[in-house]
Amino acid sequence: MPSRKSLPPRPEQTCLPWHPSGLVAGVDEAGRGPLAGPVVAAAVILDDLQPIAGLADSKKLTPFRREKLYDEIRAKALCCSIAEATVEEIDRLNILQATLLAMQRAVMGLRLKPALVLVDGNRLPRLEVPAEAIVKGDALVPAISAASILAKVHRDRWCAQVHDEFPQYGFAGHKGYGTAAHMAALQAHGACIHHRRSFAPVALNLHAAVCR
């Protein structure tokens, strides 16, 4: 019987020629696109003996379902870690490098050291363990799905807290994205301390009074 030839990896993916045995961590981020706030990354090592039903790309889940899964992941995973890169780091490094930094911090924060790290997307942070980038991994790999949920819920909770501090911007609704309402608030009030000044829509409104 002829042997199967493995399909070549897609060019946008970084694939390893072998996968080591041992613990596998999934990594994903939330908050690359918004005009304000930190970018958040999470790393999760799931427990095969405690499966979690319903894991999926966090963007495909309702807020209520994400919150429920967030608690279940924290309770059942072997270990998990959530990390951030600050607004100052985003403005200094650029959003891509800040995202990779947050991912690196999330992996380093794991209580257990994984043998392999699977990262959503097509870029990898610098790590001391083997890693593979998987495009649309948040829909394909349960551990990455779990990481996407943790990162999304953590950042949404940050937005809710900042909304209480700066209600005039409406962070609880738009979560920092450049919606029409957010742009109108920027024009009316200028940028607050949480806005990313390196992002063009914010930079255009720096002439307005800065909130303290």
N, C-alpha and C. Protein backbone atom coordinates (compact mmCIF):
# COMPACT_ATOMS: atom_id res chain seq x y z
N MET A 1 0.85 -1.19 0.00
CA MET A 1 0.00 0.00 0.00
C MET A 1 0.89 1.24 0.00
N PRO A 2 0.69 2.14 -0.97
CA PRO A 2 1.56 3.31 -1.04
C PRO A 2 1.42 4.19 0.18
N SER A 3 2.53 4.79 0.61
CA SER A 3 2.49 5.68 1.76
C SER A 3 1.93 7.03 1.37
N ARG A 4 1.26 7.67 2.31
CA ARG A 4 0.72 9.00 2.05
C ARG A 4 1.82 10.04 2.16
N LYS A 5 1.78 10.98 1.29
CA LYS A 5 2.69 12.12 1.39
C LYS A 5 1.99 13.22 2.15
N SER A 6 2.66 13.76 3.14
CA SER A 6 2.05 14.84 3.91
C SER A 6 1.98 16.09 3.06
N LEU A 7 0.90 16.81 3.22
CA LEU A 7 0.72 18.04 2.47
C LEU A 7 1.71 19.09 2.95
N PRO A 8 2.25 19.89 2.03
CA PRO A 8 3.16 20.95 2.46
C PRO A 8 2.42 21.99 3.25
N PRO A 9 3.08 22.64 4.21
CA PRO A 9 2.40 23.67 5.01
C PRO A 9 2.03 24.86 4.16
N ARG A 10 0.96 25.54 4.54
CA ARG A 10 0.60 26.77 3.86
C ARG A 10 1.70 27.80 4.06
N PRO A 11 1.97 28.63 3.05
CA PRO A 11 3.13 29.53 3.14
C PRO A 11 3.03 30.52 4.28
N GLU A 12 1.80 30.87 4.73
CA GLU A 12 1.70 31.86 5.78
C GLU A 12 1.89 31.26 7.17
N GLN A 13 2.03 29.94 7.25
CA GLN A 13 2.22 29.31 8.54
C GLN A 13 3.68 28.94 8.78
N THR A 14 4.08 29.01 10.02
CA THR A 14 5.40 28.55 10.43
C THR A 14 5.23 27.19 11.08
N CYS A 15 5.65 26.13 10.44
CA CYS A 15 5.40 24.77 10.94
C CYS A 15 6.71 24.09 11.33
N LEU A 16 6.64 23.29 12.36
CA LEU A 16 7.79 22.52 12.79
C LEU A 16 7.83 21.19 12.05
N PRO A 17 9.02 20.67 11.77
CA PRO A 17 9.11 19.36 11.12
C PRO A 17 8.75 18.22 12.06
N TRP A 18 8.66 18.51 13.36
CA TRP A 18 8.30 17.48 14.33
C TRP A 18 7.63 18.15 15.52
N HIS A 19 6.84 17.39 16.22
CA HIS A 19 6.17 17.90 17.40
C HIS A 19 6.66 17.12 18.62
N PRO A 20 7.23 17.78 19.59
CA PRO A 20 7.71 17.07 20.78
C PRO A 20 6.54 16.59 21.62
N SER A 21 6.76 15.49 22.34
CA SER A 21 5.73 15.02 23.25
C SER A 21 5.75 15.85 24.51
N GLY A 22 4.60 15.96 25.15
CA GLY A 22 4.52 16.74 26.38
C GLY A 22 3.38 17.73 26.34
N LEU A 23 3.41 18.67 27.26
CA LEU A 23 2.33 19.63 27.39
C LEU A 23 2.32 20.63 26.22
N VAL A 24 1.10 20.96 25.76
CA VAL A 24 0.94 21.90 24.66
C VAL A 24 0.16 23.11 25.16
N ALA A 25 0.70 24.28 24.91
CA ALA A 25 0.03 25.53 25.29
C ALA A 25 -0.53 26.22 24.06
N GLY A 26 -1.73 26.75 24.19
CA GLY A 26 -2.31 27.58 23.14
C GLY A 26 -2.20 29.04 23.53
N VAL A 27 -1.94 29.91 22.55
CA VAL A 27 -1.74 31.33 22.82
C VAL A 27 -2.55 32.16 21.82
N ASP A 28 -3.21 33.19 22.33
CA ASP A 28 -3.93 34.13 21.46
C ASP A 28 -3.96 35.49 22.13
N GLU A 29 -4.39 36.50 21.37
CA GLU A 29 -4.42 37.88 21.87
C GLU A 29 -5.78 38.51 21.65
N ALA A 30 -5.99 39.63 22.31
CA ALA A 30 -7.18 40.45 22.10
C ALA A 30 -6.77 41.91 22.20
N GLY A 31 -7.30 42.73 21.32
CA GLY A 31 -7.07 44.16 21.44
C GLY A 31 -6.01 44.75 20.53
N ARG A 32 -5.76 44.14 19.38
CA ARG A 32 -4.80 44.74 18.46
C ARG A 32 -5.39 45.96 17.75
N GLY A 33 -6.67 45.88 17.41
CA GLY A 33 -7.28 46.92 16.59
C GLY A 33 -7.79 48.16 17.29
N PRO A 34 -8.18 48.09 18.56
CA PRO A 34 -8.75 49.26 19.23
C PRO A 34 -7.81 50.45 19.30
N LEU A 35 -8.38 51.61 19.57
CA LEU A 35 -7.62 52.85 19.65
C LEU A 35 -7.12 53.13 21.06
N ALA A 36 -7.49 52.29 22.01
CA ALA A 36 -7.15 52.56 23.41
C ALA A 36 -6.91 51.25 24.16
N GLY A 37 -6.16 51.38 25.24
CA GLY A 37 -5.98 50.26 26.16
C GLY A 37 -4.85 49.31 25.78
N PRO A 38 -4.52 48.41 26.69
CA PRO A 38 -3.44 47.45 26.45
C PRO A 38 -3.85 46.40 25.44
N VAL A 39 -2.88 45.75 24.85
CA VAL A 39 -3.15 44.53 24.10
C VAL A 39 -2.92 43.38 25.07
N VAL A 40 -3.84 42.42 25.06
CA VAL A 40 -3.85 41.34 26.05
C VAL A 40 -3.56 40.01 25.36
N ALA A 41 -2.75 39.18 25.98
CA ALA A 41 -2.50 37.83 25.47
C ALA A 41 -2.73 36.82 26.59
N ALA A 42 -3.13 35.63 26.20
CA ALA A 42 -3.32 34.56 27.17
C ALA A 42 -2.67 33.29 26.65
N ALA A 43 -2.20 32.46 27.57
CA ALA A 43 -1.64 31.14 27.27
C ALA A 43 -2.36 30.12 28.14
N VAL A 44 -2.74 29.00 27.53
CA VAL A 44 -3.52 28.00 28.25
C VAL A 44 -2.99 26.60 27.94
N ILE A 45 -2.81 25.80 28.97
CA ILE A 45 -2.54 24.37 28.82
C ILE A 45 -3.77 23.64 29.36
N LEU A 46 -4.49 23.00 28.48
CA LEU A 46 -5.72 22.31 28.87
C LEU A 46 -5.40 20.95 29.50
N ASP A 47 -6.34 20.45 30.28
CA ASP A 47 -6.25 19.15 30.92
C ASP A 47 -7.10 18.17 30.13
N ASP A 48 -6.47 17.17 29.51
CA ASP A 48 -7.20 16.18 28.71
C ASP A 48 -8.22 15.42 29.55
N LEU A 49 -8.00 15.35 30.85
CA LEU A 49 -8.91 14.60 31.71
C LEU A 49 -10.13 15.44 32.12
N GLN A 50 -10.10 16.73 31.83
CA GLN A 50 -11.23 17.61 32.13
C GLN A 50 -11.59 18.42 30.88
N PRO A 51 -12.20 17.77 29.90
CA PRO A 51 -12.54 18.47 28.66
C PRO A 51 -13.56 19.58 28.89
N ILE A 52 -13.47 20.61 28.08
CA ILE A 52 -14.37 21.76 28.17
C ILE A 52 -15.17 21.84 26.88
N ALA A 53 -16.46 21.70 26.99
CA ALA A 53 -17.34 21.73 25.81
C ALA A 53 -17.58 23.15 25.36
N GLY A 54 -17.67 23.32 24.04
CA GLY A 54 -18.07 24.62 23.49
C GLY A 54 -16.94 25.59 23.23
N LEU A 55 -15.69 25.16 23.33
CA LEU A 55 -14.58 26.07 23.05
C LEU A 55 -14.61 26.45 21.57
N ALA A 56 -14.43 27.73 21.30
CA ALA A 56 -14.47 28.24 19.93
C ALA A 56 -13.78 29.59 19.89
N ASP A 57 -13.60 30.11 18.70
CA ASP A 57 -13.08 31.46 18.53
C ASP A 57 -13.94 32.41 19.37
N SER A 58 -13.32 33.20 20.22
CA SER A 58 -14.07 34.06 21.14
C SER A 58 -15.01 35.01 20.41
N LYS A 59 -14.64 35.40 19.19
CA LYS A 59 -15.48 36.34 18.42
C LYS A 59 -16.80 35.70 17.99
N LYS A 60 -16.85 34.37 17.99
CA LYS A 60 -18.07 33.66 17.58
C LYS A 60 -19.01 33.39 18.76
N LEU A 61 -18.61 33.77 19.96
CA LEU A 61 -19.39 33.48 21.15
C LEU A 61 -20.06 34.74 21.68
N THR A 62 -21.18 34.56 22.36
CA THR A 62 -21.84 35.70 23.00
C THR A 62 -21.06 36.11 24.24
N PRO A 63 -21.19 37.36 24.68
CA PRO A 63 -20.51 37.77 25.91
C PRO A 63 -20.84 36.87 27.10
N PHE A 64 -22.11 36.47 27.22
CA PHE A 64 -22.52 35.60 28.32
C PHE A 64 -21.79 34.26 28.26
N ARG A 65 -21.70 33.69 27.05
CA ARG A 65 -21.04 32.39 26.90
C ARG A 65 -19.55 32.51 27.16
N ARG A 66 -18.95 33.62 26.72
CA ARG A 66 -17.53 33.83 26.98
C ARG A 66 -17.24 33.89 28.47
N GLU A 67 -18.10 34.59 29.21
CA GLU A 67 -17.90 34.71 30.66
C GLU A 67 -17.99 33.34 31.33
N LYS A 68 -18.97 32.52 30.92
CA LYS A 68 -19.11 31.18 31.49
C LYS A 68 -17.88 30.32 31.19
N LEU A 69 -17.42 30.37 29.93
CA LEU A 69 -16.26 29.58 29.56
C LEU A 69 -14.99 30.09 30.24
N TYR A 70 -14.90 31.39 30.43
CA TYR A 70 -13.75 31.96 31.13
C TYR A 70 -13.60 31.31 32.50
N ASP A 71 -14.70 31.23 33.25
CA ASP A 71 -14.64 30.63 34.59
C ASP A 71 -14.31 29.14 34.51
N GLU A 72 -14.86 28.47 33.50
CA GLU A 72 -14.62 27.03 33.37
C GLU A 72 -13.16 26.75 32.99
N ILE A 73 -12.62 27.57 32.10
CA ILE A 73 -11.23 27.40 31.70
C ILE A 73 -10.31 27.62 32.90
N ARG A 74 -10.56 28.67 33.66
CA ARG A 74 -9.73 28.95 34.83
C ARG A 74 -9.81 27.82 35.85
N ALA A 75 -10.97 27.15 35.93
CA ALA A 75 -11.16 26.08 36.90
C ALA A 75 -10.57 24.75 36.44
N LYS A 76 -10.60 24.47 35.14
CA LYS A 76 -10.26 23.14 34.65
C LYS A 76 -8.90 23.02 33.97
N ALA A 77 -8.36 24.11 33.46
CA ALA A 77 -7.09 24.03 32.75
C ALA A 77 -5.97 23.63 33.70
N LEU A 78 -4.96 22.95 33.18
CA LEU A 78 -3.80 22.61 34.01
C LEU A 78 -3.13 23.89 34.51
N CYS A 79 -3.02 24.86 33.63
CA CYS A 79 -2.54 26.18 34.03
C CYS A 79 -2.84 27.17 32.92
N CYS A 80 -2.91 28.43 33.29
CA CYS A 80 -3.16 29.48 32.32
C CYS A 80 -2.53 30.77 32.81
N SER A 81 -2.30 31.67 31.89
CA SER A 81 -1.63 32.92 32.20
C SER A 81 -2.17 34.02 31.30
N ILE A 82 -2.41 35.20 31.86
CA ILE A 82 -2.87 36.35 31.09
C ILE A 82 -1.86 37.48 31.29
N ALA A 83 -1.46 38.11 30.19
CA ALA A 83 -0.46 39.17 30.26
C ALA A 83 -0.85 40.31 29.34
N GLU A 84 -0.22 41.46 29.56
CA GLU A 84 -0.53 42.66 28.77
C GLU A 84 0.75 43.30 28.25
N ALA A 85 0.58 44.09 27.20
CA ALA A 85 1.56 45.11 26.82
C ALA A 85 0.83 46.44 26.93
N THR A 86 1.42 47.40 27.57
CA THR A 86 0.76 48.65 27.91
C THR A 86 0.62 49.57 26.70
N VAL A 87 -0.19 50.60 26.88
CA VAL A 87 -0.34 51.62 25.85
C VAL A 87 1.02 52.26 25.54
N GLU A 88 1.80 52.52 26.56
CA GLU A 88 3.13 53.11 26.36
C GLU A 88 4.01 52.19 25.53
N GLU A 89 3.94 50.89 25.78
CA GLU A 89 4.74 49.94 25.00
C GLU A 89 4.23 49.85 23.57
N ILE A 90 2.92 49.92 23.38
CA ILE A 90 2.35 49.91 22.03
C ILE A 90 2.86 51.12 21.24
N ASP A 91 2.83 52.30 21.86
CA ASP A 91 3.26 53.53 21.18
C ASP A 91 4.77 53.51 20.91
N ARG A 92 5.53 52.87 21.79
CA ARG A 92 6.98 52.86 21.62
C ARG A 92 7.45 51.80 20.64
N LEU A 93 6.83 50.61 20.68
CA LEU A 93 7.31 49.47 19.90
C LEU A 93 6.58 49.29 18.58
N ASN A 94 5.33 49.63 18.51
CA ASN A 94 4.31 49.40 17.48
C ASN A 94 3.43 48.24 17.93
N ILE A 95 2.24 48.15 17.37
CA ILE A 95 1.24 47.20 17.89
C ILE A 95 1.66 45.75 17.67
N LEU A 96 2.31 45.44 16.56
CA LEU A 96 2.73 44.05 16.33
C LEU A 96 3.75 43.62 17.36
N GLN A 97 4.78 44.41 17.57
CA GLN A 97 5.82 44.02 18.53
C GLN A 97 5.27 43.98 19.96
N ALA A 98 4.36 44.88 20.28
CA ALA A 98 3.75 44.86 21.60
C ALA A 98 2.89 43.61 21.78
N THR A 99 2.21 43.19 20.73
CA THR A 99 1.41 41.96 20.79
C THR A 99 2.30 40.75 21.04
N LEU A 100 3.40 40.67 20.32
CA LEU A 100 4.34 39.56 20.51
C LEU A 100 4.93 39.59 21.91
N LEU A 101 5.17 40.78 22.44
CA LEU A 101 5.69 40.90 23.80
C LEU A 101 4.67 40.38 24.81
N ALA A 102 3.40 40.74 24.63
CA ALA A 102 2.35 40.25 25.54
C ALA A 102 2.25 38.72 25.47
N MET A 103 2.37 38.16 24.27
CA MET A 103 2.33 36.70 24.11
C MET A 103 3.50 36.05 24.83
N GLN A 104 4.69 36.64 24.66
CA GLN A 104 5.87 36.12 25.35
C GLN A 104 5.67 36.13 26.86
N ARG A 105 5.13 37.22 27.38
CA ARG A 105 4.88 37.32 28.82
C ARG A 105 3.86 36.28 29.28
N ALA A 106 2.84 36.03 28.46
CA ALA A 106 1.82 35.05 28.84
C ALA A 106 2.43 33.66 28.95
N VAL A 107 3.26 33.28 27.98
CA VAL A 107 3.90 31.96 28.02
C VAL A 107 4.85 31.86 29.21
N MET A 108 5.62 32.91 29.45
CA MET A 108 6.55 32.90 30.58
C MET A 108 5.83 32.84 31.92
N GLY A 109 4.57 33.26 31.94
CA GLY A 109 3.82 33.26 33.18
C GLY A 109 3.16 31.94 33.51
N LEU A 110 3.27 30.97 32.62
CA LEU A 110 2.67 29.65 32.89
C LEU A 110 3.41 28.95 34.03
N ARG A 111 2.65 28.35 34.90
CA ARG A 111 3.24 27.62 36.04
C ARG A 111 3.98 26.37 35.57
N LEU A 112 3.48 25.74 34.50
CA LEU A 112 4.10 24.56 33.92
C LEU A 112 4.75 24.94 32.59
N LYS A 113 5.89 24.35 32.29
CA LYS A 113 6.58 24.66 31.04
C LYS A 113 6.08 23.74 29.93
N PRO A 114 5.54 24.31 28.86
CA PRO A 114 5.05 23.47 27.76
C PRO A 114 6.20 22.93 26.91
N ALA A 115 5.94 21.79 26.26
CA ALA A 115 6.90 21.25 25.30
C ALA A 115 6.70 21.88 23.93
N LEU A 116 5.50 22.42 23.70
CA LEU A 116 5.17 23.04 22.41
C LEU A 116 4.17 24.15 22.66
N VAL A 117 4.35 25.27 21.95
CA VAL A 117 3.41 26.39 22.03
C VAL A 117 2.78 26.60 20.65
N LEU A 118 1.45 26.63 20.61
CA LEU A 118 0.71 26.87 19.37
C LEU A 118 0.11 28.27 19.45
N VAL A 119 0.46 29.11 18.49
CA VAL A 119 0.08 30.53 18.52
C VAL A 119 -0.87 30.84 17.38
N ASP A 120 -1.94 31.54 17.68
CA ASP A 120 -2.87 31.95 16.62
C ASP A 120 -2.20 32.99 15.73
N GLY A 121 -2.38 32.85 14.41
CA GLY A 121 -1.86 33.83 13.48
C GLY A 121 -0.69 33.32 12.68
N ASN A 122 0.13 34.24 12.18
CA ASN A 122 1.26 33.85 11.33
C ASN A 122 2.59 34.43 11.82
N ARG A 123 2.62 34.91 13.05
CA ARG A 123 3.86 35.43 13.62
C ARG A 123 4.06 34.82 15.00
N LEU A 124 5.31 34.62 15.36
CA LEU A 124 5.64 34.00 16.64
C LEU A 124 6.43 34.95 17.52
N PRO A 125 6.13 34.97 18.82
CA PRO A 125 6.98 35.70 19.76
C PRO A 125 8.27 34.93 19.98
N ARG A 126 9.26 35.59 20.56
CA ARG A 126 10.49 34.90 20.92
C ARG A 126 10.25 34.06 22.17
N LEU A 127 10.48 32.76 22.04
CA LEU A 127 10.23 31.85 23.14
C LEU A 127 11.40 30.91 23.32
N GLU A 128 11.49 30.31 24.51
CA GLU A 128 12.55 29.36 24.80
C GLU A 128 12.12 27.92 24.53
N VAL A 129 10.92 27.74 24.00
CA VAL A 129 10.41 26.41 23.70
C VAL A 129 9.95 26.37 22.24
N PRO A 130 9.85 25.19 21.64
CA PRO A 130 9.38 25.09 20.26
C PRO A 130 7.98 25.69 20.11
N ALA A 131 7.73 26.33 18.99
CA ALA A 131 6.45 26.98 18.77
C ALA A 131 6.04 26.87 17.31
N GLU A 132 4.75 26.96 17.08
CA GLU A 132 4.20 26.89 15.73
C GLU A 132 3.08 27.92 15.60
N ALA A 133 3.08 28.67 14.54
CA ALA A 133 2.01 29.63 14.27
C ALA A 133 0.94 28.95 13.41
N ILE A 134 -0.31 29.12 13.79
CA ILE A 134 -1.42 28.48 13.08
C ILE A 134 -2.44 29.53 12.70
N VAL A 135 -2.60 29.78 11.42
CA VAL A 135 -3.58 30.74 10.94
C VAL A 135 -4.98 30.24 11.26
N LYS A 136 -5.80 31.11 11.83
CA LYS A 136 -7.15 30.76 12.28
C LYS A 136 -7.13 29.65 13.32
N GLY A 137 -6.04 29.63 14.10
CA GLY A 137 -5.91 28.60 15.14
C GLY A 137 -6.97 28.70 16.21
N ASP A 138 -7.53 29.92 16.42
CA ASP A 138 -8.55 30.07 17.45
C ASP A 138 -9.82 29.31 17.13
N ALA A 139 -9.98 28.91 15.85
CA ALA A 139 -11.14 28.11 15.46
C ALA A 139 -10.78 26.64 15.27
N LEU A 140 -9.49 26.32 15.33
CA LEU A 140 -9.03 24.97 15.01
C LEU A 140 -8.45 24.21 16.20
N VAL A 141 -7.83 24.92 17.13
CA VAL A 141 -7.11 24.28 18.24
C VAL A 141 -7.78 24.66 19.55
N PRO A 142 -8.31 23.70 20.31
CA PRO A 142 -9.02 24.03 21.54
C PRO A 142 -8.22 24.89 22.52
N ALA A 143 -6.93 24.62 22.67
CA ALA A 143 -6.13 25.41 23.62
C ALA A 143 -6.01 26.86 23.17
N ILE A 144 -5.93 27.09 21.86
CA ILE A 144 -5.90 28.46 21.35
C ILE A 144 -7.27 29.12 21.53
N SER A 145 -8.34 28.37 21.28
CA SER A 145 -9.69 28.90 21.53
C SER A 145 -9.83 29.34 22.98
N ALA A 146 -9.35 28.51 23.90
CA ALA A 146 -9.42 28.85 25.32
C ALA A 146 -8.63 30.13 25.61
N ALA A 147 -7.46 30.25 25.00
CA ALA A 147 -6.65 31.45 25.20
C ALA A 147 -7.35 32.68 24.64
N SER A 148 -8.01 32.53 23.50
CA SER A 148 -8.71 33.68 22.91
C SER A 148 -9.85 34.15 23.81
N ILE A 149 -10.50 33.21 24.48
CA ILE A 149 -11.61 33.56 25.39
C ILE A 149 -11.06 34.30 26.62
N LEU A 150 -9.99 33.79 27.21
CA LEU A 150 -9.42 34.46 28.38
C LEU A 150 -8.97 35.87 28.03
N ALA A 151 -8.30 36.03 26.90
CA ALA A 151 -7.79 37.35 26.52
C ALA A 151 -8.94 38.32 26.25
N LYS A 152 -9.96 37.85 25.55
CA LYS A 152 -11.10 38.71 25.21
C LYS A 152 -11.86 39.15 26.45
N VAL A 153 -12.16 38.23 27.34
CA VAL A 153 -12.91 38.58 28.55
C VAL A 153 -12.10 39.53 29.42
N HIS A 154 -10.81 39.26 29.55
CA HIS A 154 -9.95 40.13 30.37
C HIS A 154 -9.96 41.55 29.82
N ARG A 155 -9.85 41.69 28.51
CA ARG A 155 -9.82 43.04 27.94
C ARG A 155 -11.19 43.71 28.01
N ASP A 156 -12.26 42.95 27.81
CA ASP A 156 -13.60 43.53 27.93
C ASP A 156 -13.85 44.03 29.35
N ARG A 157 -13.35 43.31 30.34
CA ARG A 157 -13.49 43.75 31.73
C ARG A 157 -12.69 45.03 31.96
N TRP A 158 -11.53 45.12 31.34
CA TRP A 158 -10.75 46.37 31.43
C TRP A 158 -11.56 47.53 30.86
N CYS A 159 -12.20 47.31 29.72
CA CYS A 159 -13.00 48.37 29.09
C CYS A 159 -14.15 48.81 30.00
N ALA A 160 -14.77 47.87 30.69
CA ALA A 160 -15.86 48.20 31.60
C ALA A 160 -15.36 49.06 32.76
N GLN A 161 -14.18 48.75 33.26
CA GLN A 161 -13.60 49.54 34.36
C GLN A 161 -13.26 50.96 33.90
N VAL A 162 -12.67 51.05 32.71
CA VAL A 162 -12.29 52.37 32.20
C VAL A 162 -13.52 53.20 31.86
N HIS A 163 -14.61 52.54 31.48
CA HIS A 163 -15.85 53.26 31.22
C HIS A 163 -16.31 54.02 32.46
N ASP A 164 -16.14 53.40 33.62
CA ASP A 164 -16.51 54.08 34.85
C ASP A 164 -15.64 55.30 35.11
N GLU A 165 -14.39 55.23 34.67
CA GLU A 165 -13.44 56.32 34.87
C GLU A 165 -13.65 57.45 33.85
N PHE A 166 -13.91 57.07 32.60
CA PHE A 166 -14.10 58.03 31.51
C PHE A 166 -15.39 57.72 30.75
N PRO A 167 -16.55 57.92 31.34
CA PRO A 167 -17.82 57.54 30.70
C PRO A 167 -18.10 58.28 29.40
N GLN A 168 -17.47 59.45 29.21
CA GLN A 168 -17.75 60.24 28.02
C GLN A 168 -17.30 59.55 26.73
N TYR A 169 -16.43 58.55 26.83
CA TYR A 169 -15.94 57.86 25.62
C TYR A 169 -16.77 56.64 25.25
N GLY A 170 -17.50 56.08 26.17
CA GLY A 170 -18.35 54.93 25.87
C GLY A 170 -17.59 53.62 25.69
N PHE A 171 -16.51 53.41 26.45
CA PHE A 171 -15.70 52.20 26.28
C PHE A 171 -16.48 50.91 26.50
N ALA A 172 -17.47 50.93 27.36
CA ALA A 172 -18.22 49.70 27.64
C ALA A 172 -18.95 49.22 26.39
N GLY A 173 -19.29 50.14 25.50
CA GLY A 173 -20.02 49.76 24.29
C GLY A 173 -19.12 49.36 23.14
N HIS A 174 -18.18 50.24 22.77
CA HIS A 174 -17.36 49.98 21.58
C HIS A 174 -16.06 49.25 21.87
N LYS A 175 -15.73 49.06 23.15
CA LYS A 175 -14.54 48.32 23.58
C LYS A 175 -13.24 48.93 23.03
N GLY A 176 -13.27 50.23 22.73
CA GLY A 176 -12.06 50.88 22.27
C GLY A 176 -11.90 50.96 20.77
N TYR A 177 -12.76 50.29 20.02
CA TYR A 177 -12.66 50.31 18.56
C TYR A 177 -13.10 51.68 18.01
N GLY A 178 -12.68 51.97 16.81
CA GLY A 178 -12.93 53.28 16.23
C GLY A 178 -14.31 53.43 15.62
N THR A 179 -15.34 53.25 16.41
CA THR A 179 -16.71 53.42 15.93
C THR A 179 -17.01 54.91 15.75
N ALA A 180 -18.13 55.19 15.10
CA ALA A 180 -18.54 56.58 14.90
C ALA A 180 -18.69 57.30 16.24
N ALA A 181 -19.28 56.60 17.22
CA ALA A 181 -19.48 57.21 18.54
C ALA A 181 -18.14 57.51 19.21
N HIS A 182 -17.20 56.60 19.07
CA HIS A 182 -15.88 56.80 19.68
C HIS A 182 -15.15 57.95 19.00
N MET A 183 -15.23 58.03 17.68
CA MET A 183 -14.57 59.11 16.96
C MET A 183 -15.18 60.46 17.33
N ALA A 184 -16.49 60.50 17.50
CA ALA A 184 -17.14 61.75 17.90
C ALA A 184 -16.69 62.17 19.30
N ALA A 185 -16.54 61.18 20.20
CA ALA A 185 -16.07 61.49 21.56
C ALA A 185 -14.63 61.99 21.54
N LEU A 186 -13.80 61.41 20.68
CA LEU A 186 -12.42 61.88 20.56
C LEU A 186 -12.37 63.33 20.08
N GLN A 187 -13.21 63.65 19.12
CA GLN A 187 -13.23 65.01 18.59
C GLN A 187 -13.74 66.00 19.64
N ALA A 188 -14.66 65.54 20.46
CA ALA A 188 -15.25 66.43 21.47
C ALA A 188 -14.35 66.59 22.70
N HIS A 189 -13.68 65.52 23.11
CA HIS A 189 -12.96 65.53 24.39
C HIS A 189 -11.45 65.36 24.26
N GLY A 190 -10.97 65.06 23.06
CA GLY A 190 -9.55 64.77 22.92
C GLY A 190 -9.22 63.38 23.42
N ALA A 191 -7.95 63.05 23.46
CA ALA A 191 -7.52 61.72 23.89
C ALA A 191 -7.35 61.68 25.40
N CYS A 192 -7.71 60.57 25.99
CA CYS A 192 -7.49 60.38 27.42
C CYS A 192 -6.18 59.62 27.63
N ILE A 193 -5.83 59.37 28.86
CA ILE A 193 -4.55 58.73 29.17
C ILE A 193 -4.46 57.30 28.64
N HIS A 194 -5.60 56.69 28.29
CA HIS A 194 -5.60 55.30 27.84
C HIS A 194 -5.55 55.18 26.32
N HIS A 195 -5.60 56.28 25.59
CA HIS A 195 -5.59 56.20 24.13
C HIS A 195 -4.18 55.98 23.59
N ARG A 196 -4.12 55.24 22.48
CA ARG A 196 -2.85 54.94 21.82
C ARG A 196 -2.50 56.10 20.88
N ARG A 197 -1.56 56.90 21.28
CA ARG A 197 -1.23 58.11 20.53
C ARG A 197 -0.54 57.84 19.20
N SER A 198 -0.01 56.64 19.02
CA SER A 198 0.63 56.29 17.75
C SER A 198 -0.39 55.88 16.69
N PHE A 199 -1.65 55.71 17.07
CA PHE A 199 -2.70 55.35 16.13
C PHE A 199 -3.25 56.63 15.49
N ALA A 200 -3.35 56.64 14.17
CA ALA A 200 -3.69 57.85 13.43
C ALA A 200 -4.97 58.54 13.90
N PRO A 201 -6.08 57.84 14.12
CA PRO A 201 -7.30 58.53 14.55
C PRO A 201 -7.13 59.27 15.88
N VAL A 202 -6.27 58.74 16.75
CA VAL A 202 -6.01 59.40 18.03
C VAL A 202 -5.08 60.60 17.80
N ALA A 203 -4.04 60.40 17.01
CA ALA A 203 -3.07 61.46 16.76
C ALA A 203 -3.74 62.69 16.15
N LEU A 204 -4.76 62.47 15.34
CA LEU A 204 -5.45 63.59 14.70
C LEU A 204 -6.25 64.41 15.70
N ASN A 205 -6.51 63.85 16.87
CA ASN A 205 -7.32 64.55 17.87
C ASN A 205 -6.53 64.95 19.11
N LEU A 206 -5.21 64.92 19.01
CA LEU A 206 -4.40 65.31 20.16
C LEU A 206 -4.43 66.79 20.43
N HIS A 207 -4.95 67.57 19.48
CA HIS A 207 -5.03 69.01 19.70
C HIS A 207 -6.10 69.37 20.72
N ALA A 208 -7.07 68.46 20.91
CA ALA A 208 -8.15 68.73 21.85
C ALA A 208 -7.61 68.53 23.28
N ALA A 209 -8.40 69.01 24.24
CA ALA A 209 -7.97 68.93 25.63
C ALA A 209 -7.79 67.48 26.05
N VAL A 210 -6.67 67.17 26.68
CA VAL A 210 -6.38 65.81 27.13
C VAL A 210 -7.00 65.63 28.52
N CYS A 211 -7.74 64.52 28.67
CA CYS A 211 -8.37 64.25 29.96
C CYS A 211 -7.31 63.76 30.95
N ARG A 212 -7.45 64.14 32.18
CA ARG A 212 -6.53 63.73 33.23
C ARG A 212 -7.26 62.88 34.26
